[in-house]
Amino acid sequence: QVQVEESGGGLVQPGGSLTLSCAASGRAWQRLHIAWFRQVVGKEREFVAAVRLSGGHTAYADSVKGRFTASKDNARNTAVLQMNNLQPEDTAVYFCGAGDTVIISTMRRESAYHYWGQGTQVTVSA
């Protein structure tokens, strides 16, 4: 069973930055695609960003493009979501997902990722 863990959430003021990290065990890190989703109470889980096996191809939700950067470091077995210029609407629980059979056309879909972390809370408030 693949185990996924994300970390780095916290409380930040509007305009501030946070860095989320993701790691997975149970599969070779190099064979995993990574995605970030977020969810608030009462709403469906929302796609944020995704990065493919080698980190060379990424996708972003329109709401975060230009502010968030997703990367995957296979040498360190970690993936990072760098979040800049955070706004209150970014407040959510952020989840890291991992999958080994994700194709480009489905990389924005929650169902493409079979292994999930427990989530880390990001709160943006003055």
N, C-alpha and C. Protein backbone atom coordinates (compact mmCIF):
# COMPACT_ATOMS: atom_id res chain seq x y z
N GLN A 1 0.84 -1.18 0.00
CA GLN A 1 0.00 0.00 0.00
C GLN A 1 0.88 1.24 0.00
N VAL A 2 0.58 2.17 -0.91
CA VAL A 2 1.33 3.41 -0.98
C VAL A 2 0.89 4.34 0.14
N GLN A 3 1.85 4.89 0.85
CA GLN A 3 1.58 5.85 1.91
C GLN A 3 2.04 7.23 1.45
N VAL A 4 1.15 8.20 1.58
CA VAL A 4 1.42 9.57 1.14
C VAL A 4 1.30 10.49 2.34
N GLU A 5 2.21 11.44 2.44
CA GLU A 5 2.18 12.40 3.53
C GLU A 5 2.54 13.78 3.02
N GLU A 6 1.70 14.75 3.34
CA GLU A 6 1.98 16.14 3.01
C GLU A 6 2.16 16.93 4.29
N SER A 7 2.90 18.01 4.19
CA SER A 7 3.18 18.83 5.35
C SER A 7 3.46 20.26 4.90
N GLY A 8 3.51 21.16 5.86
CA GLY A 8 3.88 22.53 5.58
C GLY A 8 2.76 23.55 5.70
N GLY A 9 1.55 23.10 6.00
CA GLY A 9 0.46 24.04 6.14
C GLY A 9 0.61 24.90 7.37
N GLY A 10 -0.21 25.93 7.43
CA GLY A 10 -0.16 26.82 8.57
C GLY A 10 -1.00 28.05 8.34
N LEU A 11 -0.80 29.02 9.19
CA LEU A 11 -1.51 30.29 9.12
C LEU A 11 -0.60 31.35 8.53
N VAL A 12 -1.11 32.08 7.54
CA VAL A 12 -0.32 33.10 6.88
C VAL A 12 -1.22 34.29 6.55
N GLN A 13 -0.65 35.47 6.54
CA GLN A 13 -1.40 36.66 6.18
C GLN A 13 -1.58 36.76 4.67
N PRO A 14 -2.63 37.45 4.21
CA PRO A 14 -2.77 37.67 2.77
C PRO A 14 -1.52 38.28 2.17
N GLY A 15 -1.14 37.76 1.01
CA GLY A 15 0.09 38.19 0.37
C GLY A 15 1.32 37.40 0.77
N GLY A 16 1.18 36.57 1.78
CA GLY A 16 2.29 35.77 2.24
C GLY A 16 2.48 34.50 1.44
N SER A 17 3.43 33.70 1.87
CA SER A 17 3.80 32.48 1.16
C SER A 17 3.87 31.30 2.10
N LEU A 18 3.61 30.13 1.55
CA LEU A 18 3.80 28.86 2.25
C LEU A 18 4.36 27.86 1.26
N THR A 19 5.08 26.89 1.78
CA THR A 19 5.61 25.81 0.98
C THR A 19 5.10 24.49 1.52
N LEU A 20 4.39 23.75 0.70
CA LEU A 20 3.91 22.43 1.07
C LEU A 20 4.83 21.37 0.48
N SER A 21 5.03 20.30 1.22
CA SER A 21 5.87 19.20 0.77
C SER A 21 5.07 17.91 0.78
N CYS A 22 5.43 17.01 -0.11
CA CYS A 22 4.77 15.72 -0.22
C CYS A 22 5.81 14.64 -0.40
N ALA A 23 5.60 13.53 0.28
CA ALA A 23 6.46 12.37 0.13
C ALA A 23 5.58 11.13 0.12
N ALA A 24 6.04 10.09 -0.54
CA ALA A 24 5.29 8.85 -0.64
C ALA A 24 6.22 7.66 -0.50
N SER A 25 5.70 6.62 0.11
CA SER A 25 6.42 5.37 0.23
C SER A 25 5.54 4.24 -0.27
N GLY A 26 6.15 3.10 -0.54
CA GLY A 26 5.42 1.96 -1.05
C GLY A 26 5.53 1.77 -2.56
N ARG A 27 5.96 2.77 -3.24
CA ARG A 27 6.24 2.74 -4.67
C ARG A 27 7.51 3.52 -4.93
N ALA A 28 8.16 3.20 -6.02
CA ALA A 28 9.32 3.99 -6.42
C ALA A 28 8.88 5.41 -6.71
N TRP A 29 9.49 6.36 -6.04
CA TRP A 29 9.11 7.75 -6.20
C TRP A 29 9.17 8.19 -7.66
N GLN A 30 10.15 7.71 -8.38
CA GLN A 30 10.33 8.12 -9.76
C GLN A 30 9.19 7.70 -10.67
N ARG A 31 8.39 6.73 -10.25
CA ARG A 31 7.29 6.24 -11.06
C ARG A 31 5.95 6.86 -10.69
N LEU A 32 5.93 7.83 -9.79
CA LEU A 32 4.70 8.44 -9.33
C LEU A 32 4.49 9.82 -9.92
N HIS A 33 3.27 10.06 -10.38
CA HIS A 33 2.81 11.40 -10.69
C HIS A 33 2.20 12.00 -9.42
N ILE A 34 2.35 13.29 -9.25
CA ILE A 34 1.90 13.97 -8.04
C ILE A 34 0.91 15.07 -8.40
N ALA A 35 -0.13 15.18 -7.60
CA ALA A 35 -1.10 16.26 -7.77
C ALA A 35 -1.45 16.85 -6.42
N TRP A 36 -1.91 18.08 -6.46
CA TRP A 36 -2.38 18.78 -5.28
C TRP A 36 -3.84 19.18 -5.48
N PHE A 37 -4.65 18.84 -4.50
CA PHE A 37 -6.05 19.23 -4.47
C PHE A 37 -6.31 19.93 -3.14
N ARG A 38 -7.38 20.70 -3.10
CA ARG A 38 -7.76 21.35 -1.85
C ARG A 38 -9.26 21.24 -1.66
N GLN A 39 -9.68 21.35 -0.41
CA GLN A 39 -11.08 21.17 -0.08
C GLN A 39 -11.43 21.99 1.14
N VAL A 40 -12.59 22.63 1.08
CA VAL A 40 -13.15 23.32 2.23
C VAL A 40 -14.43 22.61 2.64
N VAL A 41 -14.85 22.82 3.86
CA VAL A 41 -16.04 22.17 4.37
C VAL A 41 -17.24 22.54 3.51
N GLY A 42 -17.99 21.54 3.08
CA GLY A 42 -19.19 21.77 2.30
C GLY A 42 -18.97 21.89 0.81
N LYS A 43 -17.73 21.77 0.34
CA LYS A 43 -17.44 21.88 -1.08
C LYS A 43 -16.69 20.64 -1.55
N GLU A 44 -16.73 20.44 -2.85
CA GLU A 44 -16.01 19.32 -3.45
C GLU A 44 -14.52 19.62 -3.50
N ARG A 45 -13.76 18.56 -3.54
CA ARG A 45 -12.32 18.71 -3.66
C ARG A 45 -11.97 19.35 -5.00
N GLU A 46 -11.06 20.30 -4.97
CA GLU A 46 -10.74 21.14 -6.12
C GLU A 46 -9.30 20.92 -6.56
N PHE A 47 -9.11 20.76 -7.86
CA PHE A 47 -7.77 20.62 -8.41
C PHE A 47 -6.98 21.90 -8.21
N VAL A 48 -5.71 21.75 -7.84
CA VAL A 48 -4.82 22.89 -7.66
C VAL A 48 -3.67 22.84 -8.66
N ALA A 49 -2.92 21.75 -8.64
CA ALA A 49 -1.74 21.64 -9.49
C ALA A 49 -1.35 20.18 -9.62
N ALA A 50 -0.59 19.87 -10.65
CA ALA A 50 -0.09 18.52 -10.85
C ALA A 50 1.27 18.58 -11.52
N VAL A 51 2.08 17.59 -11.24
CA VAL A 51 3.40 17.47 -11.85
C VAL A 51 3.65 16.01 -12.19
N ARG A 52 4.23 15.77 -13.34
CA ARG A 52 4.41 14.41 -13.82
C ARG A 52 5.74 13.80 -13.37
N LEU A 53 5.99 12.59 -13.81
CA LEU A 53 7.04 11.73 -13.26
C LEU A 53 8.37 12.42 -13.00
N SER A 54 8.87 13.09 -14.01
CA SER A 54 10.19 13.69 -13.92
C SER A 54 10.14 15.16 -13.55
N GLY A 55 8.95 15.70 -13.35
CA GLY A 55 8.81 17.08 -12.97
C GLY A 55 8.84 18.07 -14.11
N GLY A 56 8.90 17.59 -15.34
CA GLY A 56 9.04 18.48 -16.47
C GLY A 56 7.75 19.08 -17.00
N HIS A 57 6.63 18.47 -16.66
CA HIS A 57 5.34 18.94 -17.14
C HIS A 57 4.43 19.19 -15.95
N THR A 58 3.83 20.37 -15.91
CA THR A 58 2.95 20.74 -14.81
C THR A 58 1.64 21.29 -15.34
N ALA A 59 0.64 21.27 -14.48
CA ALA A 59 -0.65 21.85 -14.79
C ALA A 59 -1.15 22.59 -13.56
N TYR A 60 -1.89 23.67 -13.78
CA TYR A 60 -2.38 24.49 -12.69
C TYR A 60 -3.83 24.87 -12.90
N ALA A 61 -4.55 24.98 -11.82
CA ALA A 61 -5.88 25.57 -11.88
C ALA A 61 -5.74 27.05 -12.22
N ASP A 62 -6.73 27.57 -12.94
CA ASP A 62 -6.69 28.98 -13.30
C ASP A 62 -6.61 29.88 -12.07
N SER A 63 -7.21 29.45 -10.98
CA SER A 63 -7.27 30.27 -9.79
C SER A 63 -5.91 30.46 -9.11
N VAL A 64 -4.95 29.58 -9.40
CA VAL A 64 -3.65 29.66 -8.75
C VAL A 64 -2.51 29.91 -9.72
N LYS A 65 -2.77 29.85 -11.00
CA LYS A 65 -1.72 30.02 -11.99
C LYS A 65 -1.05 31.38 -11.84
N GLY A 66 0.26 31.37 -11.85
CA GLY A 66 1.02 32.58 -11.64
C GLY A 66 1.38 32.83 -10.20
N ARG A 67 0.73 32.15 -9.27
CA ARG A 67 1.01 32.31 -7.85
C ARG A 67 1.62 31.05 -7.23
N PHE A 68 1.20 29.88 -7.71
CA PHE A 68 1.66 28.61 -7.17
C PHE A 68 2.60 27.95 -8.16
N THR A 69 3.58 27.24 -7.65
CA THR A 69 4.50 26.48 -8.47
C THR A 69 4.64 25.07 -7.90
N ALA A 70 4.36 24.08 -8.73
CA ALA A 70 4.51 22.68 -8.34
C ALA A 70 5.79 22.12 -8.94
N SER A 71 6.51 21.36 -8.13
CA SER A 71 7.73 20.76 -8.60
C SER A 71 7.88 19.37 -7.99
N LYS A 72 8.73 18.56 -8.60
CA LYS A 72 8.99 17.21 -8.12
C LYS A 72 10.48 16.96 -8.21
N ASP A 73 11.07 16.64 -7.08
CA ASP A 73 12.50 16.42 -6.99
C ASP A 73 12.74 14.94 -6.76
N ASN A 74 13.07 14.23 -7.82
CA ASN A 74 13.25 12.78 -7.71
C ASN A 74 14.53 12.41 -6.95
N ALA A 75 15.50 13.29 -6.94
CA ALA A 75 16.71 13.02 -6.18
C ALA A 75 16.45 13.03 -4.68
N ARG A 76 15.52 13.88 -4.24
CA ARG A 76 15.20 13.97 -2.82
C ARG A 76 13.91 13.26 -2.46
N ASN A 77 13.25 12.64 -3.42
CA ASN A 77 12.00 11.91 -3.20
C ASN A 77 10.93 12.79 -2.57
N THR A 78 10.82 14.00 -3.04
CA THR A 78 9.83 14.93 -2.53
C THR A 78 9.19 15.71 -3.67
N ALA A 79 7.99 16.19 -3.42
CA ALA A 79 7.32 17.14 -4.30
C ALA A 79 6.96 18.36 -3.48
N VAL A 80 6.99 19.51 -4.12
CA VAL A 80 6.78 20.77 -3.42
C VAL A 80 5.73 21.59 -4.14
N LEU A 81 4.85 22.19 -3.37
CA LEU A 81 3.93 23.19 -3.88
C LEU A 81 4.29 24.51 -3.21
N GLN A 82 4.90 25.39 -3.98
CA GLN A 82 5.25 26.71 -3.50
C GLN A 82 4.08 27.65 -3.76
N MET A 83 3.55 28.24 -2.71
CA MET A 83 2.37 29.08 -2.80
C MET A 83 2.76 30.50 -2.42
N ASN A 84 2.62 31.41 -3.37
CA ASN A 84 2.95 32.81 -3.16
C ASN A 84 1.70 33.67 -3.29
N ASN A 85 1.78 34.86 -2.73
CA ASN A 85 0.66 35.81 -2.79
C ASN A 85 -0.65 35.14 -2.39
N LEU A 86 -0.62 34.47 -1.27
CA LEU A 86 -1.80 33.75 -0.82
C LEU A 86 -2.93 34.70 -0.47
N GLN A 87 -4.14 34.26 -0.75
CA GLN A 87 -5.34 35.04 -0.52
C GLN A 87 -6.31 34.25 0.35
N PRO A 88 -7.25 34.93 1.00
CA PRO A 88 -8.19 34.20 1.86
C PRO A 88 -8.92 33.07 1.15
N GLU A 89 -9.21 33.22 -0.13
CA GLU A 89 -9.89 32.16 -0.85
C GLU A 89 -9.03 30.92 -1.07
N ASP A 90 -7.75 31.00 -0.75
CA ASP A 90 -6.89 29.84 -0.80
C ASP A 90 -6.99 28.98 0.46
N THR A 91 -7.69 29.47 1.45
CA THR A 91 -7.85 28.71 2.69
C THR A 91 -8.56 27.39 2.41
N ALA A 92 -7.95 26.30 2.82
CA ALA A 92 -8.49 24.97 2.56
C ALA A 92 -7.57 23.95 3.19
N VAL A 93 -8.04 22.72 3.22
CA VAL A 93 -7.17 21.59 3.50
C VAL A 93 -6.56 21.16 2.17
N TYR A 94 -5.26 21.10 2.12
CA TYR A 94 -4.55 20.73 0.90
C TYR A 94 -4.11 19.28 0.98
N PHE A 95 -4.37 18.54 -0.08
CA PHE A 95 -4.07 17.12 -0.15
C PHE A 95 -3.07 16.86 -1.27
N CYS A 96 -2.17 15.97 -1.01
CA CYS A 96 -1.25 15.46 -2.02
C CYS A 96 -1.74 14.10 -2.49
N GLY A 97 -1.84 13.93 -3.79
CA GLY A 97 -2.21 12.66 -4.37
C GLY A 97 -1.10 12.11 -5.23
N ALA A 98 -1.04 10.80 -5.32
CA ALA A 98 -0.01 10.14 -6.12
C ALA A 98 -0.65 9.06 -6.99
N GLY A 99 -0.14 8.91 -8.19
CA GLY A 99 -0.62 7.88 -9.09
C GLY A 99 0.50 7.43 -10.01
N ASP A 100 0.40 6.20 -10.48
CA ASP A 100 1.45 5.67 -11.35
C ASP A 100 0.98 5.40 -12.77
N THR A 101 -0.28 5.68 -13.08
CA THR A 101 -0.80 5.45 -14.42
C THR A 101 -1.55 6.67 -14.94
N VAL A 102 -1.13 7.86 -14.55
CA VAL A 102 -1.80 9.09 -14.94
C VAL A 102 -1.36 9.49 -16.35
N ILE A 103 -2.33 9.74 -17.21
CA ILE A 103 -2.03 10.26 -18.53
C ILE A 103 -2.31 11.76 -18.54
N ILE A 104 -1.74 12.44 -19.50
CA ILE A 104 -1.82 13.89 -19.52
C ILE A 104 -3.25 14.39 -19.54
N SER A 105 -4.12 13.73 -20.28
CA SER A 105 -5.49 14.19 -20.42
C SER A 105 -6.30 14.06 -19.15
N THR A 106 -5.82 13.30 -18.17
CA THR A 106 -6.56 13.10 -16.93
C THR A 106 -5.83 13.65 -15.71
N MET A 107 -4.76 14.36 -15.88
CA MET A 107 -3.94 14.75 -14.75
C MET A 107 -4.61 15.79 -13.85
N ARG A 108 -5.70 16.40 -14.29
CA ARG A 108 -6.46 17.33 -13.47
C ARG A 108 -7.62 16.65 -12.73
N ARG A 109 -7.78 15.36 -12.91
CA ARG A 109 -8.89 14.64 -12.31
C ARG A 109 -8.48 13.97 -11.01
N GLU A 110 -9.32 14.13 -10.02
CA GLU A 110 -9.07 13.49 -8.73
C GLU A 110 -8.97 11.97 -8.87
N SER A 111 -9.78 11.40 -9.74
CA SER A 111 -9.83 9.95 -9.90
C SER A 111 -8.56 9.37 -10.50
N ALA A 112 -7.70 10.21 -11.06
CA ALA A 112 -6.45 9.73 -11.64
C ALA A 112 -5.42 9.36 -10.58
N TYR A 113 -5.63 9.82 -9.37
CA TYR A 113 -4.67 9.61 -8.29
C TYR A 113 -5.28 8.68 -7.24
N HIS A 114 -4.59 7.59 -6.98
CA HIS A 114 -5.15 6.52 -6.16
C HIS A 114 -4.68 6.54 -4.71
N TYR A 115 -3.68 7.33 -4.42
CA TYR A 115 -3.11 7.35 -3.08
C TYR A 115 -3.06 8.78 -2.58
N TRP A 116 -3.54 8.98 -1.36
CA TRP A 116 -3.72 10.32 -0.82
C TRP A 116 -3.18 10.45 0.58
N GLY A 117 -2.68 11.64 0.86
CA GLY A 117 -2.30 11.97 2.21
C GLY A 117 -3.48 12.40 3.04
N GLN A 118 -3.22 12.71 4.29
CA GLN A 118 -4.28 13.06 5.23
C GLN A 118 -4.70 14.52 5.13
N GLY A 119 -3.94 15.33 4.43
CA GLY A 119 -4.24 16.73 4.27
C GLY A 119 -3.50 17.60 5.26
N THR A 120 -3.23 18.83 4.84
CA THR A 120 -2.61 19.81 5.71
C THR A 120 -3.37 21.13 5.57
N GLN A 121 -3.67 21.75 6.69
CA GLN A 121 -4.52 22.94 6.69
C GLN A 121 -3.72 24.18 6.32
N VAL A 122 -4.24 24.92 5.37
CA VAL A 122 -3.71 26.23 5.01
C VAL A 122 -4.77 27.27 5.32
N THR A 123 -4.43 28.23 6.14
CA THR A 123 -5.35 29.29 6.51
C THR A 123 -4.72 30.63 6.18
N VAL A 124 -5.41 31.42 5.38
CA VAL A 124 -4.94 32.74 4.98
C VAL A 124 -5.88 33.76 5.59
N SER A 125 -5.38 34.52 6.52
CA SER A 125 -6.22 35.46 7.25
C SER A 125 -5.36 36.58 7.82
N ALA A 126 -5.93 37.76 7.84
CA ALA A 126 -5.27 38.89 8.47
C ALA A 126 -5.46 38.88 9.98
